Amino acid sequence: MKCSLEENLETIYNSIDYLKKHGLKVIFDAEHFFDGYLDDPSYAIEVLKTAEQAGAEVIVLADTNGGNLPSTIARIVSNVKTVIKKKIGIHTHNDSGLAVANSLVSVEAGVRHIQGTINGLGERCGNADLVQILPPLIFKMGYNVLRTNLPREEKLKKLREISTYVSEASSIPLSPYHPYVGEYAFSHKGGVHIDAVLKEKKAYEHIDPALVGNYTRLVVSDQAGRSAIIQEASYIGLKLSKDHPAVEKALQEIKEREAKGYRFDNATGSIRLTILKALGYNIDRLKVISWRTFVEKGPTDRVEAVITLQVDGDIVHGIGHGVGPVHALDLALRDAVLRRIPYLESVRLINYKVSVVDAGEGTGAAVRVFIEFTDGKSRWACTAYSRNILEASLTALIEGYTYKILIHEIQTI
């Protein structure tokens, strides 16, 4: 920094003193504190004392390089507590994957001010993730954090909503495995696990997911048991017992289709259609007779889809012009079905994903399509598998609209 140790102390004191004389509250961040303390403990403490004497309200200890272990952090914070009387804060980085752990052990050692970011966004490997720090502080350590009069169980109800918003606003995807708020944070796939969770949630859930705005997901898959099918059926108002023949029938179909390349994780619409089919419901309400897409790039750009459907016995035609072939297919499908079923107007696509399952030869890869839908009140997702990406997309689209039709009829009975 091109200044002597004495000049550094003088600069700290004068800066804080100047701000205080102008009526400002001062939080002093001791950059590189822990590494500085390990190199020269007496001078590091002298820096903190200078900031305290100058009037700083909070003295923040920073693990700027993110390289220290929780045991080191806790020991140094405890030492600082014996000589500094003002409130002590902590600022950790995640270069060793320990920013959250280091923040929490600091609180146990006496820290009462934590700096962090939503989802841990920050330089290099990121800062301490407040999404992972707040729940244990409130629900496991018993601290009254956040400036709100809400009761303890209501404080973090919007945590997942906030985390998702920041992810979308920053264009930095939120991992489905993110603790507390991730899509899979309270997701259970194995048959034994699912059965256990239904009997005693604490067996595989360390807190109630509703406390952080999340919820339990029972993933129906080739590993799932009958309990998952029964639970999924209950979401659409169907009460089934474990010995109901439709339960085993639906489970076997899901396992057979996953063996061929499908994946039903979180594909709630496809799962529930499989259950309804096993119960004898007609799920072929929208039967494709023919379809085609046309993409032209040149003097005139044109993306068009044409489809012919049998909708409950009637033949209807639809045409759509979109920004891409899948978009055009969706518009053509809507153009056709809305002629017979106008309440499908409320259905909208909110997510579309494609995964390569088998690279195959050349460009003949097998793909898995996952599409999420909403009608403004509820959400569901459908999946399909094919070596033709447009065919897989159309199959998932058909399932998505068919699901809405059947649920609408079930709920109006």
Protein backbone atom coordinates (compact mmCIF):
# COMPACT_ATOMS: atom_id res chain seq x y z
CA MET A 1 0.00 0.00 0.00
CA LYS A 2 3.13 2.16 -0.03
CA CYS A 3 2.70 3.42 3.52
CA SER A 4 4.27 2.55 6.85
CA LEU A 5 2.43 0.63 9.58
CA GLU A 6 2.12 3.86 11.56
CA GLU A 7 0.74 5.76 8.55
CA ASN A 8 -1.81 3.02 8.05
CA LEU A 9 -3.12 3.39 11.60
CA GLU A 10 -3.24 7.17 11.24
CA THR A 11 -5.21 6.88 8.00
CA ILE A 12 -7.72 4.51 9.61
CA TYR A 13 -8.25 6.79 12.62
CA ASN A 14 -8.54 10.00 10.60
CA SER A 15 -10.95 8.48 8.06
CA ILE A 16 -13.34 7.13 10.70
CA ASP A 17 -13.07 10.26 12.82
CA TYR A 18 -13.90 12.46 9.81
CA LEU A 19 -16.99 10.39 8.96
CA LYS A 20 -18.19 10.35 12.56
CA LYS A 21 -17.85 14.15 12.83
CA HIS A 22 -20.14 14.40 9.81
CA GLY A 23 -22.86 12.39 11.57
CA LEU A 24 -22.32 9.06 9.83
CA LYS A 25 -22.31 5.59 11.33
CA VAL A 26 -19.18 3.65 10.42
CA ILE A 27 -18.67 -0.05 9.77
CA PHE A 28 -14.95 -0.77 9.55
CA ASP A 29 -14.03 -3.71 7.32
CA ALA A 30 -10.62 -5.08 8.20
CA GLU A 31 -9.61 -6.40 4.80
CA HIS A 32 -7.39 -9.51 4.89
CA PHE A 33 -7.73 -9.54 8.67
CA PHE A 34 -7.31 -13.27 9.31
CA ASP A 35 -4.25 -13.63 7.08
CA GLY A 36 -2.84 -10.46 8.63
CA TYR A 37 -3.48 -11.80 12.13
CA LEU A 38 -1.70 -15.07 11.35
CA ASP A 39 1.27 -13.06 10.07
CA ASP A 40 1.37 -10.43 12.85
CA PRO A 41 -1.26 -10.81 15.60
CA SER A 42 -0.25 -7.77 17.66
CA TYR A 43 -0.42 -5.34 14.74
CA ALA A 44 -3.71 -6.82 13.48
CA ILE A 45 -5.25 -6.22 16.91
CA GLU A 46 -3.80 -2.71 16.98
CA VAL A 47 -5.59 -1.96 13.70
CA LEU A 48 -8.90 -3.03 15.24
CA LYS A 49 -8.32 -1.01 18.40
CA THR A 50 -7.57 2.07 16.33
CA ALA A 51 -10.87 1.69 14.45
CA GLU A 52 -12.70 1.18 17.74
CA GLN A 53 -11.13 4.25 19.36
CA ALA A 54 -12.00 6.36 16.32
CA GLY A 55 -15.69 5.49 16.82
CA ALA A 56 -16.55 2.65 14.41
CA GLU A 57 -19.84 1.01 15.44
CA VAL A 58 -18.93 -2.40 13.99
CA ILE A 59 -15.51 -3.98 13.50
CA VAL A 60 -15.71 -6.51 10.65
CA LEU A 61 -13.13 -9.28 10.32
CA ALA A 62 -12.60 -10.35 6.71
CA ASP A 63 -11.38 -13.69 5.39
CA THR A 64 -10.68 -11.99 2.08
CA ASN A 65 -8.84 -14.88 0.44
CA GLY A 66 -11.39 -17.42 1.67
CA GLY A 67 -8.63 -19.81 2.68
CA ASN A 68 -9.04 -20.28 6.42
CA LEU A 69 -10.65 -23.23 8.19
CA PRO A 70 -13.53 -22.89 10.68
CA SER A 71 -11.27 -23.87 13.59
CA THR A 72 -8.87 -21.04 12.71
CA ILE A 73 -11.68 -18.52 12.25
CA ALA A 74 -13.34 -19.47 15.56
CA ARG A 75 -10.05 -19.25 17.50
CA ILE A 76 -9.15 -15.82 16.15
CA VAL A 77 -12.65 -14.39 16.62
CA SER A 78 -12.59 -15.59 20.25
CA ASN A 79 -9.25 -13.85 20.77
CA VAL A 80 -10.56 -10.63 19.23
CA LYS A 81 -13.62 -10.71 21.53
CA THR A 82 -11.34 -10.45 24.57
CA VAL A 83 -9.89 -7.10 23.46
CA ILE A 84 -12.57 -5.42 21.29
CA LYS A 85 -15.75 -4.28 23.00
CA LYS A 86 -17.66 -2.92 19.99
CA LYS A 87 -19.86 -5.21 17.91
CA ILE A 88 -17.80 -7.62 15.79
CA GLY A 89 -18.72 -8.63 12.26
CA ILE A 90 -17.60 -11.30 9.80
CA HIS A 91 -17.01 -11.19 6.04
CA THR A 92 -16.04 -14.50 4.45
CA HIS A 93 -15.31 -15.69 0.94
CA ASN A 94 -16.01 -19.15 -0.40
CA ASP A 95 -12.71 -20.09 -2.04
CA SER A 96 -12.44 -23.16 0.19
CA GLY A 97 -16.17 -23.85 0.17
CA LEU A 98 -16.35 -22.77 3.81
CA ALA A 99 -17.86 -19.26 3.74
CA VAL A 100 -21.13 -20.39 5.34
CA ALA A 101 -19.41 -22.60 7.91
CA ASN A 102 -16.93 -19.84 8.79
CA SER A 103 -19.76 -17.34 9.25
CA LEU A 104 -21.71 -19.65 11.56
CA VAL A 105 -18.75 -20.60 13.76
CA SER A 106 -17.98 -16.87 14.01
CA VAL A 107 -21.45 -16.30 15.44
CA GLU A 108 -20.83 -19.07 17.98
CA ALA A 109 -17.59 -17.26 18.89
CA GLY A 110 -19.33 -13.92 19.44
CA VAL A 111 -19.90 -12.24 16.05
CA ARG A 112 -23.22 -10.37 15.73
CA HIS A 113 -22.93 -8.86 12.25
CA ILE A 114 -22.70 -11.02 9.11
CA GLN A 115 -21.95 -9.80 5.61
CA GLY A 116 -23.03 -11.93 2.67
CA THR A 117 -25.03 -12.05 -0.55
CA ILE A 118 -28.12 -13.83 -1.83
CA ASN A 119 -27.08 -17.15 -3.41
CA GLY A 120 -23.46 -16.40 -2.46
CA LEU A 121 -22.85 -14.23 -5.53
CA GLY A 122 -19.44 -12.56 -5.51
CA GLU A 123 -15.82 -12.51 -6.64
CA ARG A 124 -14.11 -15.76 -7.60
CA CYS A 125 -15.96 -18.54 -5.75
CA GLY A 126 -18.39 -16.10 -4.18
CA ASN A 127 -19.26 -14.62 -0.81
CA ALA A 128 -21.04 -16.13 2.17
CA ASP A 129 -24.50 -17.24 1.03
CA LEU A 130 -27.21 -15.60 3.15
CA VAL A 131 -29.69 -18.15 1.81
CA GLN A 132 -27.74 -20.85 3.66
CA ILE A 133 -26.88 -18.70 6.69
CA LEU A 134 -30.30 -17.33 7.68
CA PRO A 135 -32.17 -20.63 8.18
CA PRO A 136 -29.69 -22.18 10.65
CA LEU A 137 -29.38 -18.87 12.53
CA ILE A 138 -33.15 -18.72 13.03
CA PHE A 139 -34.27 -22.34 13.18
CA LYS A 140 -31.22 -24.13 14.59
CA MET A 141 -29.33 -21.56 16.63
CA GLY A 142 -32.33 -19.63 17.93
CA TYR A 143 -31.25 -16.11 16.98
CA ASN A 144 -33.74 -13.31 16.33
CA VAL A 145 -32.44 -12.02 13.00
CA LEU A 146 -33.97 -9.71 10.37
CA ARG A 147 -35.72 -6.46 11.18
CA THR A 148 -39.28 -7.74 11.20
CA ASN A 149 -41.98 -8.41 13.76
CA LEU A 150 -43.08 -11.57 11.97
CA PRO A 151 -43.14 -14.72 14.10
CA ARG A 152 -40.15 -17.03 13.79
CA GLU A 153 -41.87 -19.52 11.48
CA GLU A 154 -42.92 -16.75 9.06
CA LYS A 155 -39.59 -14.91 8.69
CA LEU A 156 -38.20 -16.90 5.76
CA LYS A 157 -41.37 -17.92 3.92
CA LYS A 158 -40.20 -15.98 0.85
CA LEU A 159 -36.58 -17.13 0.93
CA ARG A 160 -36.92 -19.40 -2.11
CA GLU A 161 -38.85 -16.70 -3.99
CA ILE A 162 -36.10 -14.13 -3.31
CA SER A 163 -33.34 -16.59 -4.21
CA THR A 164 -35.05 -17.45 -7.50
CA TYR A 165 -35.64 -13.78 -8.30
CA VAL A 166 -31.95 -12.92 -7.80
CA SER A 167 -30.97 -15.91 -9.95
CA GLU A 168 -33.22 -14.75 -12.78
CA ALA A 169 -32.25 -11.08 -12.47
CA SER A 170 -28.52 -11.89 -12.50
CA SER A 171 -28.80 -14.60 -15.19
CA ILE A 172 -26.81 -16.89 -12.91
CA PRO A 173 -28.74 -20.18 -12.68
CA LEU A 174 -29.67 -21.48 -9.25
CA SER A 175 -28.46 -25.04 -8.79
CA PRO A 176 -31.34 -27.49 -8.22
CA TYR A 177 -29.14 -28.89 -5.43
CA HIS A 178 -28.84 -25.53 -3.62
CA PRO A 179 -29.44 -26.09 0.11
CA TYR A 180 -32.83 -24.97 1.44
CA VAL A 181 -34.14 -23.40 -1.79
CA GLY A 182 -33.04 -25.69 -4.63
CA GLU A 183 -35.51 -27.75 -6.61
CA TYR A 184 -34.02 -30.95 -5.22
CA ALA A 185 -33.35 -29.70 -1.67
CA PHE A 186 -36.34 -31.65 -0.33
CA SER A 187 -36.71 -34.10 -3.19
CA HIS A 188 -36.95 -37.85 -2.58
CA LYS A 189 -36.55 -40.45 -5.29
CA GLY A 190 -35.71 -43.85 -3.79
CA GLY A 191 -38.73 -46.00 -2.96
CA VAL A 192 -37.60 -46.68 0.62
CA HIS A 193 -36.86 -42.98 1.17
CA ILE A 194 -40.26 -41.93 -0.14
CA ASP A 195 -42.07 -44.44 2.03
CA ALA A 196 -40.10 -43.27 5.07
CA VAL A 197 -40.77 -39.58 4.39
CA LEU A 198 -44.49 -40.21 4.14
CA LYS A 199 -44.37 -41.88 7.56
CA GLU A 200 -41.89 -39.55 9.26
CA LYS A 201 -40.63 -36.48 7.37
CA LYS A 202 -37.79 -35.90 9.82
CA ALA A 203 -36.18 -39.11 8.60
CA TYR A 204 -34.87 -37.33 5.49
CA GLU A 205 -35.76 -33.64 5.96
CA HIS A 206 -33.74 -31.63 8.46
CA ILE A 207 -36.34 -28.81 8.58
CA ASP A 208 -39.87 -28.26 7.33
CA PRO A 209 -39.37 -27.02 3.72
CA ALA A 210 -42.37 -24.68 4.08
CA LEU A 211 -40.32 -22.57 6.50
CA VAL A 212 -38.11 -21.42 3.61
CA GLY A 213 -40.81 -21.34 0.93
CA ASN A 214 -39.94 -24.75 -0.50
CA TYR A 215 -41.85 -28.03 -0.44
CA THR A 216 -41.40 -31.78 -0.42
CA ARG A 217 -41.06 -33.39 -3.83
CA LEU A 218 -41.63 -37.12 -4.22
CA VAL A 219 -39.95 -37.97 -7.52
CA VAL A 220 -41.64 -40.75 -9.44
CA SER A 221 -39.03 -42.75 -11.34
CA ASP A 222 -37.74 -46.25 -11.99
CA GLN A 223 -36.51 -46.23 -8.39
CA ALA A 224 -39.83 -45.13 -6.91
CA GLY A 225 -42.30 -47.31 -5.10
CA ARG A 226 -46.05 -47.35 -4.78
CA SER A 227 -46.01 -44.60 -2.15
CA ALA A 228 -44.79 -42.09 -4.75
CA ILE A 229 -47.60 -43.00 -7.15
CA ILE A 230 -50.22 -42.71 -4.38
CA GLN A 231 -48.85 -39.34 -3.29
CA GLU A 232 -48.78 -38.00 -6.87
CA ALA A 233 -52.38 -39.14 -7.40
CA SER A 234 -53.44 -37.32 -4.23
CA TYR A 235 -52.26 -34.01 -5.72
CA ILE A 236 -55.09 -34.22 -8.28
CA GLY A 237 -57.70 -35.39 -5.77
CA LEU A 238 -57.45 -39.14 -6.34
CA LYS A 239 -57.26 -41.40 -3.30
CA LEU A 240 -55.60 -44.71 -4.08
CA SER A 241 -54.53 -47.56 -1.82
CA LYS A 242 -51.26 -49.45 -2.21
CA ASP A 243 -53.08 -52.54 -3.44
CA HIS A 244 -55.07 -50.68 -6.13
CA PRO A 245 -54.17 -52.33 -9.48
CA ALA A 246 -53.72 -48.95 -11.16
CA VAL A 247 -50.83 -48.12 -8.81
CA GLU A 248 -48.71 -51.08 -9.93
CA LYS A 249 -49.77 -50.59 -13.55
CA ALA A 250 -48.69 -46.94 -13.58
CA LEU A 251 -45.45 -47.73 -11.78
CA GLN A 252 -44.52 -50.44 -14.28
CA GLU A 253 -45.23 -48.19 -17.27
CA ILE A 254 -43.02 -45.46 -15.83
CA LYS A 255 -40.19 -47.94 -15.23
CA GLU A 256 -40.50 -49.36 -18.75
CA ARG A 257 -40.46 -45.92 -20.34
CA GLU A 258 -37.46 -44.79 -18.28
CA ALA A 259 -35.62 -47.90 -19.45
CA LYS A 260 -36.18 -46.68 -23.02
CA GLY A 261 -34.78 -43.20 -22.35
CA TYR A 262 -37.53 -41.22 -20.64
CA ARG A 263 -36.91 -39.46 -17.34
CA PHE A 264 -39.86 -38.51 -15.18
CA ASP A 265 -38.07 -36.50 -12.48
CA ASN A 266 -40.41 -33.55 -11.79
CA ALA A 267 -42.46 -34.28 -14.96
CA THR A 268 -45.65 -34.04 -12.92
CA GLY A 269 -48.01 -33.77 -15.89
CA SER A 270 -46.64 -36.89 -17.61
CA ILE A 271 -46.69 -38.85 -14.34
CA ARG A 272 -50.29 -37.94 -13.55
CA LEU A 273 -51.40 -38.73 -17.11
CA THR A 274 -49.82 -42.17 -16.69
CA ILE A 275 -51.79 -42.67 -13.47
CA LEU A 276 -55.01 -41.50 -15.12
CA LYS A 277 -54.40 -43.86 -18.03
CA ALA A 278 -53.94 -46.76 -15.61
CA LEU A 279 -57.25 -45.79 -13.99
CA GLY A 280 -59.00 -46.03 -17.36
CA TYR A 281 -59.19 -42.36 -18.32
CA ASN A 282 -58.93 -41.56 -22.02
CA ILE A 283 -55.68 -39.61 -22.35
CA ASP A 284 -55.79 -39.57 -26.18
CA ARG A 285 -58.04 -36.52 -26.25
CA LEU A 286 -55.76 -34.73 -28.70
CA LYS A 287 -54.75 -37.21 -31.38
CA VAL A 288 -52.28 -36.02 -34.00
CA ILE A 289 -53.25 -36.95 -37.56
CA SER A 290 -50.44 -35.09 -39.33
CA TRP A 291 -48.06 -32.20 -38.84
CA ARG A 292 -45.21 -30.41 -40.54
CA THR A 293 -42.84 -27.52 -39.91
CA PHE A 294 -41.21 -25.23 -42.43
CA VAL A 295 -38.18 -23.00 -41.80
CA GLU A 296 -36.90 -20.65 -44.48
CA LYS A 297 -33.93 -18.33 -44.01
CA GLY A 298 -33.03 -15.99 -46.83
CA PRO A 299 -34.56 -12.94 -48.46
CA THR A 300 -37.69 -13.71 -46.41
CA ASP A 301 -37.51 -15.39 -43.02
CA ARG A 302 -40.38 -17.75 -42.36
CA VAL A 303 -41.06 -20.31 -39.65
CA GLU A 304 -44.37 -22.10 -40.03
CA ALA A 305 -46.09 -25.15 -38.55
CA VAL A 306 -49.27 -26.84 -39.71
CA ILE A 307 -51.11 -29.52 -37.74
CA THR A 308 -54.22 -31.66 -38.10
CA LEU A 309 -55.73 -33.07 -34.91
CA GLN A 310 -58.61 -35.21 -33.84
CA VAL A 311 -60.08 -33.44 -30.80
CA ASP A 312 -62.65 -35.65 -29.06
CA GLY A 313 -63.63 -37.13 -32.43
CA ASP A 314 -63.65 -33.91 -34.46
CA ILE A 315 -60.98 -33.11 -37.04
CA VAL A 316 -59.47 -29.64 -36.64
CA HIS A 317 -56.61 -27.85 -38.34
CA GLY A 318 -54.17 -25.28 -37.03
CA ILE A 319 -51.39 -23.10 -38.36
CA GLY A 320 -48.73 -21.13 -36.50
CA HIS A 321 -45.90 -18.73 -37.36
CA GLY A 322 -43.22 -18.44 -34.70
CA VAL A 323 -39.65 -17.47 -33.98
CA GLY A 324 -38.62 -21.13 -34.18
CA PRO A 325 -40.15 -24.49 -35.15
CA VAL A 326 -41.16 -25.46 -31.59
CA HIS A 327 -42.77 -22.06 -31.01
CA ALA A 328 -44.60 -22.39 -34.33
CA LEU A 329 -45.77 -25.91 -33.39
CA ASP A 330 -47.17 -24.63 -30.11
CA LEU A 331 -49.01 -21.81 -31.89
CA ALA A 332 -50.40 -24.24 -34.51
CA LEU A 333 -51.52 -26.61 -31.76
CA ARG A 334 -53.24 -23.78 -29.90
CA ASP A 335 -54.87 -22.57 -33.12
CA ALA A 336 -56.39 -26.02 -33.54
CA VAL A 337 -57.46 -26.94 -30.01
CA LEU A 338 -58.86 -23.55 -29.02
CA ARG A 339 -61.51 -23.98 -31.73
CA ARG A 340 -62.99 -26.80 -29.63
CA ILE A 341 -61.71 -26.17 -26.08
CA PRO A 342 -61.53 -22.41 -25.48
CA TYR A 343 -60.56 -22.63 -21.78
CA LEU A 344 -57.10 -23.86 -22.87
CA GLU A 345 -56.41 -20.22 -23.72
CA SER A 346 -55.07 -19.83 -20.15
CA VAL A 347 -52.30 -22.40 -20.67
CA ARG A 348 -48.82 -20.97 -21.26
CA LEU A 349 -45.33 -22.44 -21.66
CA ILE A 350 -42.93 -21.17 -19.01
CA ASN A 351 -39.89 -23.41 -19.51
CA TYR A 352 -38.44 -25.57 -22.27
CA LYS A 353 -35.37 -27.80 -21.92
CA VAL A 354 -33.67 -30.27 -24.22
CA SER A 355 -31.12 -32.87 -23.07
CA VAL A 356 -29.08 -35.13 -25.33
CA VAL A 357 -29.53 -38.70 -24.13
CA ASP A 358 -27.65 -40.66 -26.78
CA ALA A 359 -25.30 -38.93 -29.21
CA GLY A 360 -25.80 -41.67 -31.80
CA GLU A 361 -24.07 -41.30 -35.15
CA GLY A 362 -23.61 -37.96 -36.84
CA THR A 363 -26.41 -35.63 -35.77
CA GLY A 364 -28.96 -38.38 -35.11
CA ALA A 365 -28.95 -37.88 -31.35
CA ALA A 366 -31.75 -39.07 -29.13
CA VAL A 367 -33.11 -36.20 -27.04
CA ARG A 368 -35.30 -35.74 -24.01
CA VAL A 369 -37.61 -32.72 -23.95
CA PHE A 370 -38.98 -31.20 -20.73
CA ILE A 371 -41.67 -28.51 -20.91
CA GLU A 372 -43.27 -26.65 -18.01
CA PHE A 373 -46.76 -25.18 -18.25
CA THR A 374 -48.97 -22.86 -16.19
CA ASP A 375 -52.58 -21.78 -16.31
CA GLY A 376 -51.94 -18.89 -13.95
CA LYS A 377 -52.98 -20.92 -10.92
CA SER A 378 -51.00 -24.14 -11.05
CA ARG A 379 -47.90 -25.51 -12.78
CA TRP A 380 -47.11 -28.88 -14.34
CA ALA A 381 -44.45 -30.36 -16.60
CA CYS A 382 -44.38 -32.98 -19.33
CA THR A 383 -41.54 -34.90 -20.91
CA ALA A 384 -40.96 -36.86 -24.10
CA TYR A 385 -38.14 -38.81 -25.76
CA SER A 386 -37.29 -39.23 -29.44
CA ARG A 387 -34.51 -39.05 -32.00
CA ASN A 388 -36.51 -36.23 -33.59
CA ILE A 389 -36.41 -33.11 -31.41
CA LEU A 390 -39.56 -31.68 -33.00
CA GLU A 391 -41.47 -34.94 -32.51
CA ALA A 392 -40.41 -35.05 -28.85
CA SER A 393 -41.43 -31.41 -28.44
CA LEU A 394 -44.85 -31.96 -30.00
CA THR A 395 -45.47 -35.05 -27.82
CA ALA A 396 -44.67 -33.05 -24.67
CA LEU A 397 -46.87 -30.18 -25.86
CA ILE A 398 -49.79 -32.53 -26.55
CA GLU A 399 -49.41 -34.05 -23.09
CA GLY A 400 -49.30 -30.63 -21.48
CA TYR A 401 -52.61 -29.53 -22.99
CA THR A 402 -54.20 -32.97 -22.45
CA TYR A 403 -53.31 -32.80 -18.76
CA LYS A 404 -55.15 -29.49 -18.43
CA ILE A 405 -58.22 -30.96 -20.15
CA LEU A 406 -58.43 -33.97 -17.81
CA ILE A 407 -57.74 -31.99 -14.64
CA HIS A 408 -60.38 -29.45 -15.66
CA GLU A 409 -62.94 -32.25 -16.09
CA ILE A 410 -61.96 -34.00 -12.84
CA GLN A 411 -62.26 -30.77 -10.87
CA THR A 412 -65.67 -29.90 -12.36
CA ILE A 413 -67.25 -33.30 -11.68
